[in-house]
């Protein structure tokens, strides 16, 4: 059995690639230009995903992070974000200790009661 992938960008004389490998190679060759066209240039705009509702714009975290930084002056504070929310960490020398964990940065800073 011989598999072929259809290419819509080229003429009918080259309608099918002779192998899956060549078809995938062609897709990868043009993938980066299509990704650049899809990803928004503004860092506060989310990357669109098929069949999902648009996400609301994220608030600027600078003021909240500066408030935590002023309270722990002289020690690096790290904010990490994942599917479960926001985590704040404090580094003291070689020791990293958790400060707060909450669904949002605003909630994590609020739990610190600064």
PDB file of N, CA and C in Angstrom:
ATOM      1  N   UNK A   1       0.849  -1.180   0.000  1.00  0.00           N
ATOM      2  CA  UNK A   1       0.000   0.000   0.000  1.00  0.00           C
ATOM      3  C   UNK A   1       0.889   1.236   0.000  1.00  0.00           C
ATOM      4  N   UNK A   2       0.539   2.199  -0.789  1.00  0.00           N
ATOM      5  CA  UNK A   2       1.307   3.436  -0.889  1.00  0.00           C
ATOM      6  C   UNK A   2       0.424   4.595  -0.463  1.00  0.00           C
ATOM      7  N   UNK A   3       0.902   5.359   0.524  1.00  0.00           N
ATOM      8  CA  UNK A   3       0.145   6.494   1.035  1.00  0.00           C
ATOM      9  C   UNK A   3       0.606   7.768   0.364  1.00  0.00           C
ATOM     10  N   UNK A   4      -0.303   8.691   0.215  1.00  0.00           N
ATOM     11  CA  UNK A   4       0.049   9.982  -0.361  1.00  0.00           C
ATOM     12  C   UNK A   4      -0.747  11.066   0.357  1.00  0.00           C
ATOM     13  N   UNK A   5      -0.182  12.249   0.405  1.00  0.00           N
ATOM     14  CA  UNK A   5      -0.862  13.383   1.044  1.00  0.00           C
ATOM     15  C   UNK A   5      -1.163  14.423  -0.007  1.00  0.00           C
ATOM     16  N   UNK A   6      -2.351  14.958   0.017  1.00  0.00           N
ATOM     17  CA  UNK A   6      -2.774  15.956  -0.963  1.00  0.00           C
ATOM     18  C   UNK A   6      -2.194  17.318  -0.601  1.00  0.00           C
ATOM     19  N   UNK A   7      -1.741  18.048  -1.584  1.00  0.00           N
ATOM     20  CA  UNK A   7      -1.232  19.400  -1.400  1.00  0.00           C
ATOM     21  C   UNK A   7      -2.138  20.358  -2.165  1.00  0.00           C
ATOM     22  N   UNK A   8      -2.724  21.308  -1.477  1.00  0.00           N
ATOM     23  CA  UNK A   8      -3.644  22.249  -2.112  1.00  0.00           C
ATOM     24  C   UNK A   8      -2.919  23.427  -2.753  1.00  0.00           C
ATOM     25  N   UNK A   9      -1.645  23.632  -2.423  1.00  0.00           N
ATOM     26  CA  UNK A   9      -0.940  24.813  -2.914  1.00  0.00           C
ATOM     27  C   UNK A   9      -0.335  24.629  -4.300  1.00  0.00           C
ATOM     28  N   UNK A  10      -0.210  23.413  -4.759  1.00  0.00           N
ATOM     29  CA  UNK A  10       0.464  23.200  -6.031  1.00  0.00           C
ATOM     30  C   UNK A  10      -0.514  22.691  -7.068  1.00  0.00           C
ATOM     31  N   UNK A  11      -0.099  22.693  -8.300  1.00  0.00           N
ATOM     32  CA  UNK A  11      -0.981  22.342  -9.396  1.00  0.00           C
ATOM     33  C   UNK A  11      -1.394  20.872  -9.410  1.00  0.00           C
ATOM     34  N   UNK A  12      -2.309  20.551 -10.312  1.00  0.00           N
ATOM     35  CA  UNK A  12      -2.865  19.202 -10.394  1.00  0.00           C
ATOM     36  C   UNK A  12      -1.814  18.176 -10.787  1.00  0.00           C
ATOM     37  N   UNK A  13      -0.789  18.591 -11.524  1.00  0.00           N
ATOM     38  CA  UNK A  13       0.239  17.623 -11.928  1.00  0.00           C
ATOM     39  C   UNK A  13       1.050  17.118 -10.736  1.00  0.00           C
ATOM     40  N   UNK A  14       1.030  17.868  -9.614  1.00  0.00           N
ATOM     41  CA  UNK A  14       1.718  17.439  -8.400  1.00  0.00           C
ATOM     42  C   UNK A  14       0.706  17.277  -7.258  1.00  0.00           C
ATOM     43  N   UNK A  15      -0.439  16.717  -7.563  1.00  0.00           N
ATOM     44  CA  UNK A  15      -1.529  16.673  -6.581  1.00  0.00           C
ATOM     45  C   UNK A  15      -1.232  15.772  -5.387  1.00  0.00           C
ATOM     46  N   UNK A  16      -0.373  14.785  -5.528  1.00  0.00           N
ATOM     47  CA  UNK A  16      -0.091  13.859  -4.431  1.00  0.00           C
ATOM     48  C   UNK A  16       1.411  13.678  -4.270  1.00  0.00           C
ATOM     49  N   UNK A  17       1.838  13.536  -3.026  1.00  0.00           N
ATOM     50  CA  UNK A  17       3.241  13.258  -2.751  1.00  0.00           C
ATOM     51  C   UNK A  17       3.429  11.750  -2.736  1.00  0.00           C
ATOM     52  N   UNK A  18       4.557  11.244  -3.193  1.00  0.00           N
ATOM     53  CA  UNK A  18       4.740   9.800  -3.307  1.00  0.00           C
ATOM     54  C   UNK A  18       4.890   9.076  -1.969  1.00  0.00           C
ATOM     55  N   UNK A  19       5.115   9.816  -0.879  1.00  0.00           N
ATOM     56  CA  UNK A  19       5.258   9.138   0.416  1.00  0.00           C
ATOM     57  C   UNK A  19       4.801  10.064   1.532  1.00  0.00           C
ATOM     58  N   UNK A  20       4.487   9.485   2.656  1.00  0.00           N
ATOM     59  CA  UNK A  20       4.096  10.258   3.830  1.00  0.00           C
ATOM     60  C   UNK A  20       5.259  11.129   4.285  1.00  0.00           C
ATOM     61  N   UNK A  21       6.462  10.593   4.217  1.00  0.00           N
ATOM     62  CA  UNK A  21       7.637  11.346   4.643  1.00  0.00           C
ATOM     63  C   UNK A  21       7.794  12.639   3.852  1.00  0.00           C
ATOM     64  N   UNK A  22       7.626  12.562   2.532  1.00  0.00           N
ATOM     65  CA  UNK A  22       7.748  13.765   1.706  1.00  0.00           C
ATOM     66  C   UNK A  22       6.610  14.742   1.984  1.00  0.00           C
ATOM     67  N   UNK A  23       5.413  14.221   2.233  1.00  0.00           N
ATOM     68  CA  UNK A  23       4.280  15.089   2.554  1.00  0.00           C
ATOM     69  C   UNK A  23       4.521  15.817   3.877  1.00  0.00           C
ATOM     70  N   UNK A  24       5.008  15.093   4.884  1.00  0.00           N
ATOM     71  CA  UNK A  24       5.289  15.709   6.189  1.00  0.00           C
ATOM     72  C   UNK A  24       6.416  16.715   6.057  1.00  0.00           C
ATOM     73  N   UNK A  25       7.443  16.387   5.283  1.00  0.00           N
ATOM     74  CA  UNK A  25       8.553  17.315   5.079  1.00  0.00           C
ATOM     75  C   UNK A  25       8.063  18.613   4.451  1.00  0.00           C
ATOM     76  N   UNK A  26       7.142  18.521   3.508  1.00  0.00           N
ATOM     77  CA  UNK A  26       6.597  19.732   2.889  1.00  0.00           C
ATOM     78  C   UNK A  26       5.797  20.544   3.909  1.00  0.00           C
ATOM     79  N   UNK A  27       5.019  19.875   4.744  1.00  0.00           N
ATOM     80  CA  UNK A  27       4.255  20.587   5.779  1.00  0.00           C
ATOM     81  C   UNK A  27       5.191  21.303   6.749  1.00  0.00           C
ATOM     82  N   UNK A  28       6.226  20.617   7.188  1.00  0.00           N
ATOM     83  CA  UNK A  28       7.167  21.204   8.137  1.00  0.00           C
ATOM     84  C   UNK A  28       7.899  22.376   7.506  1.00  0.00           C
ATOM     85  N   UNK A  29       8.184  22.274   6.209  1.00  0.00           N
ATOM     86  CA  UNK A  29       8.895  23.343   5.502  1.00  0.00           C
ATOM     87  C   UNK A  29       8.129  24.662   5.572  1.00  0.00           C
ATOM     88  N   UNK A  30       6.804  24.605   5.521  1.00  0.00           N
ATOM     89  CA  UNK A  30       5.996  25.815   5.522  1.00  0.00           C
ATOM     90  C   UNK A  30       5.310  26.082   6.857  1.00  0.00           C
ATOM     91  N   UNK A  31       5.560  25.254   7.854  1.00  0.00           N
ATOM     92  CA  UNK A  31       4.885  25.391   9.141  1.00  0.00           C
ATOM     93  C   UNK A  31       5.236  26.698   9.841  1.00  0.00           C
ATOM     94  N   UNK A  32       6.514  27.064   9.867  1.00  0.00           N
ATOM     95  CA  UNK A  32       6.910  28.262  10.616  1.00  0.00           C
ATOM     96  C   UNK A  32       6.280  29.530  10.067  1.00  0.00           C
ATOM     97  N   UNK A  33       6.131  29.656   8.765  1.00  0.00           N
ATOM     98  CA  UNK A  33       5.504  30.863   8.221  1.00  0.00           C
ATOM     99  C   UNK A  33       4.018  30.916   8.572  1.00  0.00           C
ATOM    100  N   UNK A  34       3.355  29.774   8.612  1.00  0.00           N
ATOM    101  CA  UNK A  34       1.945  29.750   8.998  1.00  0.00           C
ATOM    102  C   UNK A  34       1.786  30.007  10.495  1.00  0.00           C
ATOM    103  N   UNK A  35       2.721  29.514  11.302  1.00  0.00           N
ATOM    104  CA  UNK A  35       2.655  29.785  12.736  1.00  0.00           C
ATOM    105  C   UNK A  35       2.844  31.272  13.018  1.00  0.00           C
ATOM    106  N   UNK A  36       3.779  31.892  12.327  1.00  0.00           N
ATOM    107  CA  UNK A  36       4.002  33.325  12.521  1.00  0.00           C
ATOM    108  C   UNK A  36       2.761  34.130  12.155  1.00  0.00           C
ATOM    109  N   UNK A  37       2.021  33.683  11.165  1.00  0.00           N
ATOM    110  CA  UNK A  37       0.805  34.388  10.774  1.00  0.00           C
ATOM    111  C   UNK A  37      -0.314  34.177  11.790  1.00  0.00           C
ATOM    112  N   UNK A  38      -0.268  33.088  12.542  1.00  0.00           N
ATOM    113  CA  UNK A  38      -1.330  32.758  13.498  1.00  0.00           C
ATOM    114  C   UNK A  38      -1.104  33.373  14.868  1.00  0.00           C
ATOM    115  N   UNK A  39       0.138  33.390  15.328  1.00  0.00           N
ATOM    116  CA  UNK A  39       0.452  33.870  16.673  1.00  0.00           C
ATOM    117  C   UNK A  39       0.374  35.395  16.708  1.00  0.00           C
ATOM    118  N   UNK A  40      -0.415  35.960  17.642  1.00  0.00           N
ATOM    119  CA  UNK A  40      -0.517  37.425  17.732  1.00  0.00           C
ATOM    120  C   UNK A  40       0.814  38.065  18.116  1.00  0.00           C
ATOM    121  N   UNK A  41       1.067  39.237  17.594  1.00  0.00           N
ATOM    122  CA  UNK A  41       2.318  39.948  17.912  1.00  0.00           C
ATOM    123  C   UNK A  41       2.269  40.602  19.283  1.00  0.00           C
ATOM    124  N   UNK A  42       1.068  40.908  19.799  1.00  0.00           N
ATOM    125  CA  UNK A  42       0.928  41.527  21.109  1.00  0.00           C
ATOM    126  C   UNK A  42       1.034  40.451  22.185  1.00  0.00           C
ATOM    127  N   UNK A  43       1.930  40.613  23.168  1.00  0.00           N
ATOM    128  CA  UNK A  43       2.123  39.556  24.172  1.00  0.00           C
ATOM    129  C   UNK A  43       0.931  39.350  25.093  1.00  0.00           C
ATOM    130  N   UNK A  44       0.019  40.322  25.184  1.00  0.00           N
ATOM    131  CA  UNK A  44      -1.132  40.151  26.069  1.00  0.00           C
ATOM    132  C   UNK A  44      -2.309  39.473  25.380  1.00  0.00           C
ATOM    133  N   UNK A  45      -2.228  39.222  24.077  1.00  0.00           N
ATOM    134  CA  UNK A  45      -3.302  38.527  23.362  1.00  0.00           C
ATOM    135  C   UNK A  45      -3.014  37.031  23.336  1.00  0.00           C
ATOM    136  N   UNK A  46      -4.000  36.200  23.693  1.00  0.00           N
ATOM    137  CA  UNK A  46      -3.769  34.752  23.685  1.00  0.00           C
ATOM    138  C   UNK A  46      -3.685  34.206  22.265  1.00  0.00           C
ATOM    139  N   UNK A  47      -3.034  33.059  22.125  1.00  0.00           N
ATOM    140  CA  UNK A  47      -2.951  32.372  20.845  1.00  0.00           C
ATOM    141  C   UNK A  47      -4.310  31.736  20.580  1.00  0.00           C
ATOM    142  N   UNK A  48      -4.914  31.982  19.412  1.00  0.00           N
ATOM    143  CA  UNK A  48      -6.230  31.416  19.148  1.00  0.00           C
ATOM    144  C   UNK A  48      -6.175  29.898  19.037  1.00  0.00           C
ATOM    145  N   UNK A  49      -7.174  29.247  19.584  1.00  0.00           N
ATOM    146  CA  UNK A  49      -7.294  27.797  19.495  1.00  0.00           C
ATOM    147  C   UNK A  49      -8.634  27.476  18.847  1.00  0.00           C
ATOM    148  N   UNK A  50      -8.678  26.464  17.996  1.00  0.00           N
ATOM    149  CA  UNK A  50      -9.941  26.120  17.341  1.00  0.00           C
ATOM    150  C   UNK A  50     -11.012  25.730  18.357  1.00  0.00           C
ATOM    151  N   UNK A  51     -12.215  26.153  18.091  1.00  0.00           N
ATOM    152  CA  UNK A  51     -13.405  25.784  18.860  1.00  0.00           C
ATOM    153  C   UNK A  51     -13.326  26.192  20.329  1.00  0.00           C
ATOM    154  N   UNK A  52     -12.690  27.303  20.630  1.00  0.00           N
ATOM    155  CA  UNK A  52     -12.674  27.810  21.997  1.00  0.00           C
ATOM    156  C   UNK A  52     -13.161  29.251  21.986  1.00  0.00           C
ATOM    157  N   UNK A  53     -13.758  29.635  23.075  1.00  0.00           N
ATOM    158  CA  UNK A  53     -14.206  31.014  23.197  1.00  0.00           C
ATOM    159  C   UNK A  53     -12.997  31.914  23.393  1.00  0.00           C
ATOM    160  N   UNK A  54     -13.038  33.132  22.906  1.00  0.00           N
ATOM    161  CA  UNK A  54     -11.900  34.026  23.101  1.00  0.00           C
ATOM    162  C   UNK A  54     -11.667  34.299  24.585  1.00  0.00           C
ATOM    163  N   UNK A  55     -10.414  34.310  24.969  1.00  0.00           N
ATOM    164  CA  UNK A  55     -10.057  34.583  26.357  1.00  0.00           C
ATOM    165  C   UNK A  55     -10.066  36.083  26.608  1.00  0.00           C
ATOM    166  N   UNK A  56     -10.472  36.480  27.815  1.00  0.00           N
ATOM    167  CA  UNK A  56     -10.406  37.913  28.124  1.00  0.00           C
ATOM    168  C   UNK A  56      -8.942  38.343  28.239  1.00  0.00           C
ATOM    169  N   UNK A  57      -8.640  39.601  27.947  1.00  0.00           N
ATOM    170  CA  UNK A  57      -7.255  40.049  28.059  1.00  0.00           C
ATOM    171  C   UNK A  57      -6.770  39.968  29.505  1.00  0.00           C
ATOM    172  N   UNK A  58      -5.511  39.610  29.667  1.00  0.00           N
ATOM    173  CA  UNK A  58      -4.929  39.492  30.999  1.00  0.00           C
ATOM    174  C   UNK A  58      -4.505  40.856  31.517  1.00  0.00           C
ATOM    175  N   UNK A  59      -4.739  41.119  32.805  1.00  0.00           N
ATOM    176  CA  UNK A  59      -4.287  42.393  33.355  1.00  0.00           C
ATOM    177  C   UNK A  59      -2.762  42.421  33.468  1.00  0.00           C
ATOM    178  N   UNK A  60      -2.209  43.609  33.439  1.00  0.00           N
ATOM    179  CA  UNK A  60      -0.762  43.772  33.551  1.00  0.00           C
ATOM    180  C   UNK A  60      -0.318  43.373  34.963  1.00  0.00           C
ATOM    181  N   UNK A  61       0.593  42.392  35.101  1.00  0.00           N
ATOM    182  CA  UNK A  61       0.990  41.907  36.418  1.00  0.00           C
ATOM    183  C   UNK A  61       2.056  42.765  37.102  1.00  0.00           C
ATOM    184  N   UNK A  62       2.543  43.800  36.437  1.00  0.00           N
ATOM    185  CA  UNK A  62       3.681  44.554  36.947  1.00  0.00           C
ATOM    186  C   UNK A  62       3.440  45.138  38.333  1.00  0.00           C
ATOM    187  N   UNK A  63       2.303  45.773  38.553  1.00  0.00           N
ATOM    188  CA  UNK A  63       2.043  46.427  39.842  1.00  0.00           C
ATOM    189  C   UNK A  63       2.000  45.408  40.984  1.00  0.00           C
ATOM    190  N   UNK A  64       1.356  44.275  40.747  1.00  0.00           N
ATOM    191  CA  UNK A  64       1.283  43.244  41.791  1.00  0.00           C
ATOM    192  C   UNK A  64       2.656  42.665  42.102  1.00  0.00           C
ATOM    193  N   UNK A  65       3.427  42.382  41.067  1.00  0.00           N
ATOM    194  CA  UNK A  65       4.761  41.819  41.281  1.00  0.00           C
ATOM    195  C   UNK A  65       5.682  42.825  41.976  1.00  0.00           C
ATOM    196  N   UNK A  66       5.534  44.093  41.649  1.00  0.00           N
ATOM    197  CA  UNK A  66       6.361  45.111  42.337  1.00  0.00           C
ATOM    198  C   UNK A  66       6.001  45.211  43.811  1.00  0.00           C
ATOM    199  N   UNK A  67       4.711  45.061  44.135  1.00  0.00           N
ATOM    200  CA  UNK A  67       4.303  45.116  45.537  1.00  0.00           C
ATOM    201  C   UNK A  67       4.936  43.952  46.312  1.00  0.00           C
ATOM    202  N   UNK A  68       4.935  42.765  45.740  1.00  0.00           N
ATOM    203  CA  UNK A  68       5.575  41.614  46.395  1.00  0.00           C
ATOM    204  C   UNK A  68       7.076  41.846  46.483  1.00  0.00           C
ATOM    205  N   UNK A  69       7.674  42.367  45.412  1.00  0.00           N
ATOM    206  CA  UNK A  69       9.105  42.633  45.411  1.00  0.00           C
ATOM    207  C   UNK A  69       9.530  43.656  46.445  1.00  0.00           C
ATOM    208  N   UNK A  70       8.721  44.707  46.638  1.00  0.00           N
ATOM    209  CA  UNK A  70       9.043  45.708  47.664  1.00  0.00           C
ATOM    210  C   UNK A  70       8.984  45.104  49.060  1.00  0.00           C
ATOM    211  N   UNK A  71       8.024  44.229  49.279  1.00  0.00           N
ATOM    212  CA  UNK A  71       7.895  43.608  50.607  1.00  0.00           C
ATOM    213  C   UNK A  71       9.082  42.686  50.909  1.00  0.00           C
ATOM    214  N   UNK A  72       9.559  41.988  49.902  1.00  0.00           N
ATOM    215  CA  UNK A  72      10.694  41.070  50.074  1.00  0.00           C
ATOM    216  C   UNK A  72      11.941  41.663  49.421  1.00  0.00           C
ATOM    217  N   UNK A  73      12.211  42.919  49.652  1.00  0.00           N
ATOM    218  CA  UNK A  73      13.340  43.614  49.027  1.00  0.00           C
ATOM    219  C   UNK A  73      14.650  42.882  49.307  1.00  0.00           C
ATOM    220  N   UNK A  74      15.458  42.760  48.276  1.00  0.00           N
ATOM    221  CA  UNK A  74      16.757  42.102  48.406  1.00  0.00           C
ATOM    222  C   UNK A  74      16.720  40.613  48.118  1.00  0.00           C
ATOM    223  N   UNK A  75      15.532  40.032  47.974  1.00  0.00           N
ATOM    224  CA  UNK A  75      15.392  38.602  47.664  1.00  0.00           C
ATOM    225  C   UNK A  75      14.600  38.446  46.372  1.00  0.00           C
ATOM    226  N   UNK A  76      15.099  37.658  45.436  1.00  0.00           N
ATOM    227  CA  UNK A  76      14.331  37.433  44.200  1.00  0.00           C
ATOM    228  C   UNK A  76      13.018  36.712  44.491  1.00  0.00           C
ATOM    229  N   UNK A  77      11.956  37.204  43.899  1.00  0.00           N
ATOM    230  CA  UNK A  77      10.637  36.579  43.980  1.00  0.00           C
ATOM    231  C   UNK A  77      10.301  36.060  42.590  1.00  0.00           C
ATOM    232  N   UNK A  78       9.815  34.825  42.526  1.00  0.00           N
ATOM    233  CA  UNK A  78       9.500  34.190  41.253  1.00  0.00           C
ATOM    234  C   UNK A  78       8.003  33.914  41.195  1.00  0.00           C
ATOM    235  N   UNK A  79       7.391  34.250  40.074  1.00  0.00           N
ATOM    236  CA  UNK A  79       5.988  33.918  39.829  1.00  0.00           C
ATOM    237  C   UNK A  79       5.955  32.893  38.697  1.00  0.00           C
ATOM    238  N   UNK A  80       5.280  31.781  38.925  1.00  0.00           N
ATOM    239  CA  UNK A  80       5.130  30.779  37.875  1.00  0.00           C
ATOM    240  C   UNK A  80       3.647  30.541  37.633  1.00  0.00           C
ATOM    241  N   UNK A  81       3.304  30.331  36.379  1.00  0.00           N
ATOM    242  CA  UNK A  81       1.912  30.132  35.981  1.00  0.00           C
ATOM    243  C   UNK A  81       1.786  28.797  35.270  1.00  0.00           C
ATOM    244  N   UNK A  82       0.738  28.058  35.602  1.00  0.00           N
ATOM    245  CA  UNK A  82       0.436  26.806  34.916  1.00  0.00           C
ATOM    246  C   UNK A  82      -1.072  26.601  34.903  1.00  0.00           C
ATOM    247  N   UNK A  83      -1.516  25.408  34.540  1.00  0.00           N
ATOM    248  CA  UNK A  83      -2.956  25.145  34.449  1.00  0.00           C
ATOM    249  C   UNK A  83      -3.665  25.272  35.787  1.00  0.00           C
ATOM    250  N   UNK A  84      -2.954  25.069  36.885  1.00  0.00           N
ATOM    251  CA  UNK A  84      -3.591  25.124  38.204  1.00  0.00           C
ATOM    252  C   UNK A  84      -3.616  26.535  38.782  1.00  0.00           C
ATOM    253  N   UNK A  85      -2.927  27.469  38.169  1.00  0.00           N
ATOM    254  CA  UNK A  85      -2.950  28.847  38.647  1.00  0.00           C
ATOM    255  C   UNK A  85      -1.575  29.461  38.749  1.00  0.00           C
ATOM    256  N   UNK A  86      -1.405  30.286  39.763  1.00  0.00           N
ATOM    257  CA  UNK A  86      -0.179  31.051  39.963  1.00  0.00           C
ATOM    258  C   UNK A  86       0.489  30.614  41.263  1.00  0.00           C
ATOM    259  N   UNK A  87       1.795  30.482  41.213  1.00  0.00           N
ATOM    260  CA  UNK A  87       2.579  30.170  42.410  1.00  0.00           C
ATOM    261  C   UNK A  87       3.637  31.260  42.579  1.00  0.00           C
ATOM    262  N   UNK A  88       3.802  31.715  43.798  1.00  0.00           N
ATOM    263  CA  UNK A  88       4.841  32.692  44.123  1.00  0.00           C
ATOM    264  C   UNK A  88       5.889  32.004  44.972  1.00  0.00           C
ATOM    265  N   UNK A  89       7.150  32.238  44.647  1.00  0.00           N
ATOM    266  CA  UNK A  89       8.278  31.619  45.340  1.00  0.00           C
ATOM    267  C   UNK A  89       9.240  32.708  45.797  1.00  0.00           C
ATOM    268  N   UNK A  90       9.900  32.484  46.917  1.00  0.00           N
ATOM    269  CA  UNK A  90      10.911  33.400  47.444  1.00  0.00           C
ATOM    270  C   UNK A  90      12.229  32.661  47.511  1.00  0.00           C
ATOM    271  N   UNK A  91      13.284  33.287  46.967  1.00  0.00           N
ATOM    272  CA  UNK A  91      14.609  32.679  47.031  1.00  0.00           C
ATOM    273  C   UNK A  91      15.438  33.399  48.079  1.00  0.00           C
ATOM    274  N   UNK A  92      16.007  32.613  48.968  1.00  0.00           N
ATOM    275  CA  UNK A  92      16.888  33.139  50.009  1.00  0.00           C
ATOM    276  C   UNK A  92      18.174  32.323  49.949  1.00  0.00           C
ATOM    277  N   UNK A  93      19.166  32.879  49.269  1.00  0.00           N
ATOM    278  CA  UNK A  93      20.403  32.136  49.061  1.00  0.00           C
ATOM    279  C   UNK A  93      20.141  30.966  48.130  1.00  0.00           C
ATOM    280  N   UNK A  94      20.461  29.749  48.595  1.00  0.00           N
ATOM    281  CA  UNK A  94      20.246  28.545  47.784  1.00  0.00           C
ATOM    282  C   UNK A  94      18.887  27.907  48.065  1.00  0.00           C
ATOM    283  N   UNK A  95      18.101  28.504  48.952  1.00  0.00           N
ATOM    284  CA  UNK A  95      16.813  27.931  49.344  1.00  0.00           C
ATOM    285  C   UNK A  95      15.688  28.651  48.610  1.00  0.00           C
ATOM    286  N   UNK A  96      14.791  27.884  48.031  1.00  0.00           N
ATOM    287  CA  UNK A  96      13.606  28.432  47.383  1.00  0.00           C
ATOM    288  C   UNK A  96      12.400  27.917  48.159  1.00  0.00           C
ATOM    289  N   UNK A  97      11.607  28.849  48.686  1.00  0.00           N
ATOM    290  CA  UNK A  97      10.448  28.406  49.463  1.00  0.00           C
ATOM    291  C   UNK A  97       9.172  28.982  48.859  1.00  0.00           C
ATOM    292  N   UNK A  98       8.096  28.217  48.913  1.00  0.00           N
ATOM    293  CA  UNK A  98       6.838  28.706  48.352  1.00  0.00           C
ATOM    294  C   UNK A  98       6.222  29.779  49.234  1.00  0.00           C
ATOM    295  N   UNK A  99       5.677  30.785  48.592  1.00  0.00           N
ATOM    296  CA  UNK A  99       4.984  31.859  49.311  1.00  0.00           C
ATOM    297  C   UNK A  99       3.471  31.704  49.228  1.00  0.00           C
ATOM    298  N   UNK A 100       2.965  31.475  48.023  1.00  0.00           N
ATOM    299  CA  UNK A 100       1.515  31.408  47.835  1.00  0.00           C
ATOM    300  C   UNK A 100       1.186  30.616  46.581  1.00  0.00           C
ATOM    301  N   UNK A 101      -0.020  30.035  46.588  1.00  0.00           N
ATOM    302  CA  UNK A 101      -0.550  29.335  45.416  1.00  0.00           C
ATOM    303  C   UNK A 101      -2.034  29.662  45.326  1.00  0.00           C
ATOM    304  N   UNK A 102      -2.475  30.160  44.174  1.00  0.00           N
ATOM    305  CA  UNK A 102      -3.875  30.542  43.981  1.00  0.00           C
ATOM    306  C   UNK A 102      -4.208  30.473  42.490  1.00  0.00           C
ATOM    307  N   UNK A 103      -5.486  30.535  42.162  1.00  0.00           N
ATOM    308  CA  UNK A 103      -5.867  30.463  40.746  1.00  0.00           C
ATOM    309  C   UNK A 103      -5.361  31.633  39.903  1.00  0.00           C
ATOM    310  N   UNK A 104      -5.173  32.808  40.503  1.00  0.00           N
ATOM    311  CA  UNK A 104      -4.701  33.980  39.755  1.00  0.00           C
ATOM    312  C   UNK A 104      -3.582  34.668  40.539  1.00  0.00           C
ATOM    313  N   UNK A 105      -2.853  35.524  39.855  1.00  0.00           N
ATOM    314  CA  UNK A 105      -1.798  36.286  40.513  1.00  0.00           C
ATOM    315  C   UNK A 105      -2.395  37.208  41.572  1.00  0.00           C
ATOM    316  N   UNK A 106      -3.507  37.847  41.242  1.00  0.00           N
ATOM    317  CA  UNK A 106      -4.159  38.745  42.202  1.00  0.00           C
ATOM    318  C   UNK A 106      -4.534  37.982  43.472  1.00  0.00           C
ATOM    319  N   UNK A 107      -5.085  36.793  43.340  1.00  0.00           N
ATOM    320  CA  UNK A 107      -5.466  35.988  44.517  1.00  0.00           C
ATOM    321  C   UNK A 107      -4.231  35.540  45.290  1.00  0.00           C
ATOM    322  N   UNK A 108      -3.146  35.195  44.597  1.00  0.00           N
ATOM    323  CA  UNK A 108      -1.917  34.768  45.272  1.00  0.00           C
ATOM    324  C   UNK A 108      -1.319  35.917  46.081  1.00  0.00           C
ATOM    325  N   UNK A 109      -1.301  37.122  45.514  1.00  0.00           N
ATOM    326  CA  UNK A 109      -0.790  38.279  46.241  1.00  0.00           C
ATOM    327  C   UNK A 109      -1.709  38.608  47.412  1.00  0.00           C
ATOM    328  N   UNK A 110      -2.996  38.460  47.213  1.00  0.00           N
ATOM    329  CA  UNK A 110      -3.947  38.733  48.302  1.00  0.00           C
ATOM    330  C   UNK A 110      -3.745  37.796  49.479  1.00  0.00           C
ATOM    331  N   UNK A 111      -3.379  36.539  49.228  1.00  0.00           N
ATOM    332  CA  UNK A 111      -3.167  35.592  50.322  1.00  0.00           C
ATOM    333  C   UNK A 111      -1.957  35.979  51.168  1.00  0.00           C
ATOM    334  N   UNK A 112      -1.039  36.756  50.579  1.00  0.00           N
ATOM    335  CA  UNK A 112       0.141  37.193  51.349  1.00  0.00           C
ATOM    336  C   UNK A 112      -0.200  38.314  52.308  1.00  0.00           C
ATOM    337  N   UNK A 113      -1.320  39.013  52.096  1.00  0.00           N
ATOM    338  CA  UNK A 113      -1.771  40.112  52.961  1.00  0.00           C
ATOM    339  C   UNK A 113      -0.698  41.184  53.145  1.00  0.00           C
ATOM    340  N   UNK A 114      -0.177  41.637  52.029  1.00  0.00           N
ATOM    341  CA  UNK A 114       0.875  42.665  52.080  1.00  0.00           C
ATOM    342  C   UNK A 114       0.284  44.039  52.259  1.00  0.00           C
TER     343      UNK A 114
END
